[in-house]
Amino acid sequence: IVVTDKRSPRDGRFIESIGTYNPHTQPETVDLKMDRAAYWLGNGAQPSEGVVRILRRANLVDEKGKAVPYTPAAEAAA
């Protein structure tokens, strides 16, 4: 899962790697830098539909795909 400029090609340069997703494991594994994902969403990043599904499971976006306020304490308590 990477942050990239929308003008960059799909497999081109990226700004930052914020996580990984592996659908082939049972259960599927997601390793996400929650603070960095929240930072980029707060700065107006627009995730793809697939990433929105992953972020929704991490409670970083709501049902409409809008960013939800993130607090590190909530992650530690979960």
PDB file of N, CA and C in Angstrom:
ATOM      1  N   ILE A   1       0.872  -1.161   0.000  1.00  0.00           N
ATOM      2  CA  ILE A   1       0.000   0.000   0.000  1.00  0.00           C
ATOM      3  C   ILE A   1       0.913   1.215   0.000  1.00  0.00           C
ATOM      4  N   VAL A   2       0.811   2.039  -1.041  1.00  0.00           N
ATOM      5  CA  VAL A   2       1.716   3.168  -1.185  1.00  0.00           C
ATOM      6  C   VAL A   2       0.941   4.460  -1.419  1.00  0.00           C
ATOM      7  N   VAL A   3       1.607   5.570  -1.114  1.00  0.00           N
ATOM      8  CA  VAL A   3       1.099   6.899  -1.418  1.00  0.00           C
ATOM      9  C   VAL A   3       1.833   7.351  -2.669  1.00  0.00           C
ATOM     10  N   THR A   4       1.076   7.769  -3.669  1.00  0.00           N
ATOM     11  CA  THR A   4       1.675   8.186  -4.927  1.00  0.00           C
ATOM     12  C   THR A   4       0.947   9.399  -5.477  1.00  0.00           C
ATOM     13  N   ASP A   5       1.625  10.153  -6.308  1.00  0.00           N
ATOM     14  CA  ASP A   5       1.006  11.268  -7.005  1.00  0.00           C
ATOM     15  C   ASP A   5       0.091  10.687  -8.075  1.00  0.00           C
ATOM     16  N   LYS A   6      -1.086  11.270  -8.259  1.00  0.00           N
ATOM     17  CA  LYS A   6      -2.031  10.698  -9.213  1.00  0.00           C
ATOM     18  C   LYS A   6      -1.527  10.751 -10.648  1.00  0.00           C
ATOM     19  N   ARG A   7      -0.528  11.575 -10.920  1.00  0.00           N
ATOM     20  CA  ARG A   7       0.019  11.661 -12.277  1.00  0.00           C
ATOM     21  C   ARG A   7       1.072  10.600 -12.546  1.00  0.00           C
ATOM     22  N   SER A   8       1.501   9.882 -11.515  1.00  0.00           N
ATOM     23  CA  SER A   8       2.513   8.836 -11.676  1.00  0.00           C
ATOM     24  C   SER A   8       1.872   7.572 -12.235  1.00  0.00           C
ATOM     25  N   PRO A   9       2.628   6.795 -13.020  1.00  0.00           N
ATOM     26  CA  PRO A   9       2.084   5.523 -13.499  1.00  0.00           C
ATOM     27  C   PRO A   9       1.832   4.562 -12.332  1.00  0.00           C
ATOM     28  N   ARG A  10       0.954   3.605 -12.543  1.00  0.00           N
ATOM     29  CA  ARG A  10       0.560   2.681 -11.474  1.00  0.00           C
ATOM     30  C   ARG A  10       1.754   1.998 -10.829  1.00  0.00           C
ATOM     31  N   ASP A  11       2.695   1.523 -11.609  1.00  0.00           N
ATOM     32  CA  ASP A  11       3.873   0.844 -11.074  1.00  0.00           C
ATOM     33  C   ASP A  11       5.093   1.756 -11.037  1.00  0.00           C
ATOM     34  N   GLY A  12       4.872   3.067 -11.027  1.00  0.00           N
ATOM     35  CA  GLY A  12       5.979   4.020 -11.043  1.00  0.00           C
ATOM     36  C   GLY A  12       6.426   4.421  -9.650  1.00  0.00           C
ATOM     37  N   ARG A  13       7.015   5.602  -9.585  1.00  0.00           N
ATOM     38  CA  ARG A  13       7.520   6.105  -8.307  1.00  0.00           C
ATOM     39  C   ARG A  13       6.392   6.328  -7.321  1.00  0.00           C
ATOM     40  N   PHE A  14       6.734   6.194  -6.050  1.00  0.00           N
ATOM     41  CA  PHE A  14       5.753   6.477  -5.007  1.00  0.00           C
ATOM     42  C   PHE A  14       6.399   7.362  -3.957  1.00  0.00           C
ATOM     43  N   ILE A  15       5.562   8.046  -3.194  1.00  0.00           N
ATOM     44  CA  ILE A  15       6.032   8.976  -2.175  1.00  0.00           C
ATOM     45  C   ILE A  15       6.413   8.231  -0.901  1.00  0.00           C
ATOM     46  N   GLU A  16       5.543   7.319  -0.474  1.00  0.00           N
ATOM     47  CA  GLU A  16       5.785   6.603   0.786  1.00  0.00           C
ATOM     48  C   GLU A  16       5.033   5.275   0.790  1.00  0.00           C
ATOM     49  N   SER A  17       5.651   4.266   1.351  1.00  0.00           N
ATOM     50  CA  SER A  17       4.992   2.982   1.561  1.00  0.00           C
ATOM     51  C   SER A  17       4.382   3.006   2.961  1.00  0.00           C
ATOM     52  N   ILE A  18       3.064   2.790   3.039  1.00  0.00           N
ATOM     53  CA  ILE A  18       2.402   2.855   4.344  1.00  0.00           C
ATOM     54  C   ILE A  18       1.883   1.503   4.813  1.00  0.00           C
ATOM     55  N   GLY A  19       2.160   0.441   4.052  1.00  0.00           N
ATOM     56  CA  GLY A  19       1.735  -0.867   4.520  1.00  0.00           C
ATOM     57  C   GLY A  19       1.788  -1.932   3.449  1.00  0.00           C
ATOM     58  N   THR A  20       1.380  -3.139   3.856  1.00  0.00           N
ATOM     59  CA  THR A  20       1.317  -4.272   2.942  1.00  0.00           C
ATOM     60  C   THR A  20      -0.010  -4.997   3.136  1.00  0.00           C
ATOM     61  N   TYR A  21      -0.421  -5.713   2.084  1.00  0.00           N
ATOM     62  CA  TYR A  21      -1.648  -6.501   2.119  1.00  0.00           C
ATOM     63  C   TYR A  21      -1.371  -7.810   1.396  1.00  0.00           C
ATOM     64  N   ASN A  22      -1.664  -8.927   2.043  1.00  0.00           N
ATOM     65  CA  ASN A  22      -1.460 -10.232   1.434  1.00  0.00           C
ATOM     66  C   ASN A  22      -2.762 -11.023   1.519  1.00  0.00           C
ATOM     67  N   PRO A  23      -3.507 -11.113   0.400  1.00  0.00           N
ATOM     68  CA  PRO A  23      -4.776 -11.832   0.418  1.00  0.00           C
ATOM     69  C   PRO A  23      -4.619 -13.349   0.354  1.00  0.00           C
ATOM     70  N   HIS A  24      -3.407 -13.851   0.125  1.00  0.00           N
ATOM     71  CA  HIS A  24      -3.184 -15.278  -0.060  1.00  0.00           C
ATOM     72  C   HIS A  24      -2.961 -16.045   1.239  1.00  0.00           C
ATOM     73  N   THR A  25      -2.859 -15.363   2.359  1.00  0.00           N
ATOM     74  CA  THR A  25      -2.709 -16.046   3.642  1.00  0.00           C
ATOM     75  C   THR A  25      -4.091 -16.277   4.246  1.00  0.00           C
ATOM     76  N   GLN A  26      -4.161 -17.210   5.157  1.00  0.00           N
ATOM     77  CA  GLN A  26      -5.425 -17.490   5.834  1.00  0.00           C
ATOM     78  C   GLN A  26      -5.262 -17.223   7.314  1.00  0.00           C
ATOM     79  N   PRO A  27      -5.851 -16.217   7.895  1.00  0.00           N
ATOM     80  CA  PRO A  27      -6.632 -15.173   7.240  1.00  0.00           C
ATOM     81  C   PRO A  27      -5.713 -14.184   6.534  1.00  0.00           C
ATOM     82  N   GLU A  28      -6.287 -13.377   5.645  1.00  0.00           N
ATOM     83  CA  GLU A  28      -5.476 -12.398   4.917  1.00  0.00           C
ATOM     84  C   GLU A  28      -4.798 -11.454   5.904  1.00  0.00           C
ATOM     85  N   THR A  29      -3.581 -11.031   5.567  1.00  0.00           N
ATOM     86  CA  THR A  29      -2.815 -10.196   6.494  1.00  0.00           C
ATOM     87  C   THR A  29      -2.678  -8.779   5.962  1.00  0.00           C
ATOM     88  N   VAL A  30      -2.816  -7.832   6.872  1.00  0.00           N
ATOM     89  CA  VAL A  30      -2.648  -6.417   6.564  1.00  0.00           C
ATOM     90  C   VAL A  30      -1.693  -5.844   7.595  1.00  0.00           C
ATOM     91  N   ASP A  31      -0.644  -5.205   7.121  1.00  0.00           N
ATOM     92  CA  ASP A  31       0.296  -4.504   7.991  1.00  0.00           C
ATOM     93  C   ASP A  31       0.243  -3.048   7.561  1.00  0.00           C
ATOM     94  N   LEU A  32      -0.334  -2.188   8.396  1.00  0.00           N
ATOM     95  CA  LEU A  32      -0.602  -0.810   8.014  1.00  0.00           C
ATOM     96  C   LEU A  32      -0.025   0.148   9.045  1.00  0.00           C
ATOM     97  N   LYS A  33       0.697   1.157   8.577  1.00  0.00           N
ATOM     98  CA  LYS A  33       1.179   2.225   9.458  1.00  0.00           C
ATOM     99  C   LYS A  33       0.005   3.184   9.651  1.00  0.00           C
ATOM    100  N   MET A  34      -0.745   2.952  10.732  1.00  0.00           N
ATOM    101  CA  MET A  34      -1.982   3.695  10.966  1.00  0.00           C
ATOM    102  C   MET A  34      -1.754   5.201  11.030  1.00  0.00           C
ATOM    103  N   ASP A  35      -0.691   5.619  11.724  1.00  0.00           N
ATOM    104  CA  ASP A  35      -0.447   7.051  11.866  1.00  0.00           C
ATOM    105  C   ASP A  35      -0.149   7.700  10.520  1.00  0.00           C
ATOM    106  N   ARG A  36       0.610   7.030   9.660  1.00  0.00           N
ATOM    107  CA  ARG A  36       0.946   7.598   8.347  1.00  0.00           C
ATOM    108  C   ARG A  36      -0.272   7.589   7.419  1.00  0.00           C
ATOM    109  N   ALA A  37      -1.081   6.539   7.496  1.00  0.00           N
ATOM    110  CA  ALA A  37      -2.302   6.493   6.690  1.00  0.00           C
ATOM    111  C   ALA A  37      -3.235   7.634   7.102  1.00  0.00           C
ATOM    112  N   ALA A  38      -3.388   7.842   8.403  1.00  0.00           N
ATOM    113  CA  ALA A  38      -4.232   8.931   8.893  1.00  0.00           C
ATOM    114  C   ALA A  38      -3.668  10.281   8.473  1.00  0.00           C
ATOM    115  N   TYR A  39      -2.342  10.428   8.500  1.00  0.00           N
ATOM    116  CA  TYR A  39      -1.700  11.675   8.079  1.00  0.00           C
ATOM    117  C   TYR A  39      -2.048  11.990   6.626  1.00  0.00           C
ATOM    118  N   TRP A  40      -1.868  11.010   5.742  1.00  0.00           N
ATOM    119  CA  TRP A  40      -2.118  11.253   4.318  1.00  0.00           C
ATOM    120  C   TRP A  40      -3.598  11.484   4.040  1.00  0.00           C
ATOM    121  N   LEU A  41      -4.476  10.766   4.723  1.00  0.00           N
ATOM    122  CA  LEU A  41      -5.909  11.007   4.557  1.00  0.00           C
ATOM    123  C   LEU A  41      -6.268  12.414   5.021  1.00  0.00           C
ATOM    124  N   GLY A  42      -5.646  12.855   6.107  1.00  0.00           N
ATOM    125  CA  GLY A  42      -5.881  14.200   6.615  1.00  0.00           C
ATOM    126  C   GLY A  42      -5.370  15.284   5.693  1.00  0.00           C
ATOM    127  N   ASN A  43      -4.399  14.940   4.853  1.00  0.00           N
ATOM    128  CA  ASN A  43      -3.859  15.900   3.894  1.00  0.00           C
ATOM    129  C   ASN A  43      -4.528  15.795   2.530  1.00  0.00           C
ATOM    130  N   GLY A  44      -5.629  15.062   2.452  1.00  0.00           N
ATOM    131  CA  GLY A  44      -6.410  15.033   1.224  1.00  0.00           C
ATOM    132  C   GLY A  44      -6.132  13.885   0.279  1.00  0.00           C
ATOM    133  N   ALA A  45      -5.376  12.890   0.704  1.00  0.00           N
ATOM    134  CA  ALA A  45      -5.124  11.732  -0.159  1.00  0.00           C
ATOM    135  C   ALA A  45      -6.441  11.018  -0.441  1.00  0.00           C
ATOM    136  N   GLN A  46      -6.601  10.543  -1.668  1.00  0.00           N
ATOM    137  CA  GLN A  46      -7.814   9.838  -2.058  1.00  0.00           C
ATOM    138  C   GLN A  46      -7.471   8.385  -2.348  1.00  0.00           C
ATOM    139  N   PRO A  47      -7.833   7.475  -1.461  1.00  0.00           N
ATOM    140  CA  PRO A  47      -7.487   6.063  -1.643  1.00  0.00           C
ATOM    141  C   PRO A  47      -8.310   5.413  -2.751  1.00  0.00           C
ATOM    142  N   SER A  48      -7.738   4.375  -3.348  1.00  0.00           N
ATOM    143  CA  SER A  48      -8.462   3.595  -4.351  1.00  0.00           C
ATOM    144  C   SER A  48      -9.568   2.804  -3.655  1.00  0.00           C
ATOM    145  N   GLU A  49     -10.464   2.217  -4.447  1.00  0.00           N
ATOM    146  CA  GLU A  49     -11.574   1.459  -3.864  1.00  0.00           C
ATOM    147  C   GLU A  49     -11.079   0.291  -3.017  1.00  0.00           C
ATOM    148  N   GLY A  50     -10.050  -0.397  -3.483  1.00  0.00           N
ATOM    149  CA  GLY A  50      -9.507  -1.524  -2.722  1.00  0.00           C
ATOM    150  C   GLY A  50      -8.899  -1.092  -1.407  1.00  0.00           C
ATOM    151  N   VAL A  51      -8.183   0.016  -1.424  1.00  0.00           N
ATOM    152  CA  VAL A  51      -7.565   0.521  -0.196  1.00  0.00           C
ATOM    153  C   VAL A  51      -8.636   1.050   0.752  1.00  0.00           C
ATOM    154  N   VAL A  52      -9.712   1.609   0.223  1.00  0.00           N
ATOM    155  CA  VAL A  52     -10.809   2.064   1.086  1.00  0.00           C
ATOM    156  C   VAL A  52     -11.361   0.888   1.885  1.00  0.00           C
ATOM    157  N   ARG A  53     -11.502  -0.285   1.256  1.00  0.00           N
ATOM    158  CA  ARG A  53     -11.999  -1.468   1.979  1.00  0.00           C
ATOM    159  C   ARG A  53     -11.055  -1.838   3.122  1.00  0.00           C
ATOM    160  N   ILE A  54      -9.749  -1.763   2.870  1.00  0.00           N
ATOM    161  CA  ILE A  54      -8.768  -2.080   3.915  1.00  0.00           C
ATOM    162  C   ILE A  54      -8.823  -1.035   5.023  1.00  0.00           C
ATOM    163  N   LEU A  55      -8.892   0.245   4.651  1.00  0.00           N
ATOM    164  CA  LEU A  55      -8.935   1.325   5.638  1.00  0.00           C
ATOM    165  C   LEU A  55     -10.231   1.286   6.440  1.00  0.00           C
ATOM    166  N   ARG A  56     -11.306   0.832   5.825  1.00  0.00           N
ATOM    167  CA  ARG A  56     -12.583   0.723   6.540  1.00  0.00           C
ATOM    168  C   ARG A  56     -12.467  -0.319   7.651  1.00  0.00           C
ATOM    169  N   ARG A  57     -11.798  -1.436   7.382  1.00  0.00           N
ATOM    170  CA  ARG A  57     -11.603  -2.464   8.415  1.00  0.00           C
ATOM    171  C   ARG A  57     -10.726  -1.950   9.547  1.00  0.00           C
ATOM    172  N   ALA A  58      -9.827  -0.995   9.237  1.00  0.00           N
ATOM    173  CA  ALA A  58      -8.947  -0.418  10.255  1.00  0.00           C
ATOM    174  C   ALA A  58      -9.594   0.786  10.934  1.00  0.00           C
ATOM    175  N   ASN A  59     -10.847   1.096  10.581  1.00  0.00           N
ATOM    176  CA  ASN A  59     -11.593   2.229  11.143  1.00  0.00           C
ATOM    177  C   ASN A  59     -10.930   3.571  10.873  1.00  0.00           C
ATOM    178  N   LEU A  60     -10.283   3.717   9.714  1.00  0.00           N
ATOM    179  CA  LEU A  60      -9.695   5.001   9.333  1.00  0.00           C
ATOM    180  C   LEU A  60     -10.599   5.780   8.384  1.00  0.00           C
ATOM    181  N   VAL A  61     -11.572   5.105   7.780  1.00  0.00           N
ATOM    182  CA  VAL A  61     -12.559   5.774   6.934  1.00  0.00           C
ATOM    183  C   VAL A  61     -13.938   5.251   7.301  1.00  0.00           C
ATOM    184  N   ASP A  62     -14.965   6.070   7.027  1.00  0.00           N
ATOM    185  CA  ASP A  62     -16.331   5.648   7.312  1.00  0.00           C
ATOM    186  C   ASP A  62     -16.904   4.894   6.114  1.00  0.00           C
ATOM    187  N   GLU A  63     -18.181   4.591   6.155  1.00  0.00           N
ATOM    188  CA  GLU A  63     -18.831   3.820   5.084  1.00  0.00           C
ATOM    189  C   GLU A  63     -18.783   4.537   3.736  1.00  0.00           C
ATOM    190  N   LYS A  64     -18.697   5.868   3.754  1.00  0.00           N
ATOM    191  CA  LYS A  64     -18.651   6.638   2.512  1.00  0.00           C
ATOM    192  C   LYS A  64     -17.229   6.861   2.020  1.00  0.00           C
ATOM    193  N   GLY A  65     -16.238   6.374   2.761  1.00  0.00           N
ATOM    194  CA  GLY A  65     -14.849   6.545   2.365  1.00  0.00           C
ATOM    195  C   GLY A  65     -14.218   7.835   2.856  1.00  0.00           C
ATOM    196  N   LYS A  66     -14.889   8.530   3.762  1.00  0.00           N
ATOM    197  CA  LYS A  66     -14.352   9.776   4.323  1.00  0.00           C
ATOM    198  C   LYS A  66     -13.471   9.469   5.528  1.00  0.00           C
ATOM    199  N   ALA A  67     -12.405  10.247   5.687  1.00  0.00           N
ATOM    200  CA  ALA A  67     -11.460  10.034   6.785  1.00  0.00           C
ATOM    201  C   ALA A  67     -12.141  10.244   8.133  1.00  0.00           C
ATOM    202  N   VAL A  68     -11.803   9.386   9.078  1.00  0.00           N
ATOM    203  CA  VAL A  68     -12.304   9.458  10.450  1.00  0.00           C
ATOM    204  C   VAL A  68     -11.132   9.892  11.322  1.00  0.00           C
ATOM    205  N   PRO A  69     -11.353  10.766  12.309  1.00  0.00           N
ATOM    206  CA  PRO A  69     -10.240  11.171  13.175  1.00  0.00           C
ATOM    207  C   PRO A  69      -9.553   9.963  13.808  1.00  0.00           C
ATOM    208  N   TYR A  70      -8.231   9.979  13.792  1.00  0.00           N
ATOM    209  CA  TYR A  70      -7.430   8.870  14.310  1.00  0.00           C
ATOM    210  C   TYR A  70      -6.706   9.311  15.563  1.00  0.00           C
ATOM    211  N   THR A  71      -6.779   8.483  16.619  1.00  0.00           N
ATOM    212  CA  THR A  71      -6.013   8.735  17.836  1.00  0.00           C
ATOM    213  C   THR A  71      -5.180   7.497  18.136  1.00  0.00           C
ATOM    214  N   PRO A  72      -3.871   7.643  18.336  1.00  0.00           N
ATOM    215  CA  PRO A  72      -3.017   6.487  18.623  1.00  0.00           C
ATOM    216  C   PRO A  72      -3.465   5.703  19.848  1.00  0.00           C
ATOM    217  N   ALA A  73      -4.083   6.341  20.819  1.00  0.00           N
ATOM    218  CA  ALA A  73      -4.534   5.649  22.024  1.00  0.00           C
ATOM    219  C   ALA A  73      -5.604   4.619  21.686  1.00  0.00           C
ATOM    220  N   ALA A  74      -6.434   4.905  20.694  1.00  0.00           N
ATOM    221  CA  ALA A  74      -7.481   3.965  20.297  1.00  0.00           C
ATOM    222  C   ALA A  74      -6.863   2.690  19.738  1.00  0.00           C
ATOM    223  N   GLU A  75      -5.763   2.805  19.026  1.00  0.00           N
ATOM    224  CA  GLU A  75      -5.083   1.631  18.478  1.00  0.00           C
ATOM    225  C   GLU A  75      -4.476   0.794  19.597  1.00  0.00           C
ATOM    226  N   ALA A  76      -3.888   1.437  20.584  1.00  0.00           N
ATOM    227  CA  ALA A  76      -3.248   0.725  21.685  1.00  0.00           C
ATOM    228  C   ALA A  76      -4.288  -0.007  22.536  1.00  0.00           C
ATOM    229  N   ALA A  77      -5.476   0.569  22.681  1.00  0.00           N
ATOM    230  CA  ALA A  77      -6.520  -0.037  23.490  1.00  0.00           C
ATOM    231  C   ALA A  77      -7.174  -1.220  22.785  1.00  0.00           C
ATOM    232  N   ALA A  78      -7.112  -1.237  21.460  1.00  0.00           N
ATOM    233  CA  ALA A  78      -7.792  -2.303  20.689  1.00  0.00           C
ATOM    234  C   ALA A  78      -7.033  -3.599  20.664  1.00  0.00           C
TER     235      ALA A  78
END
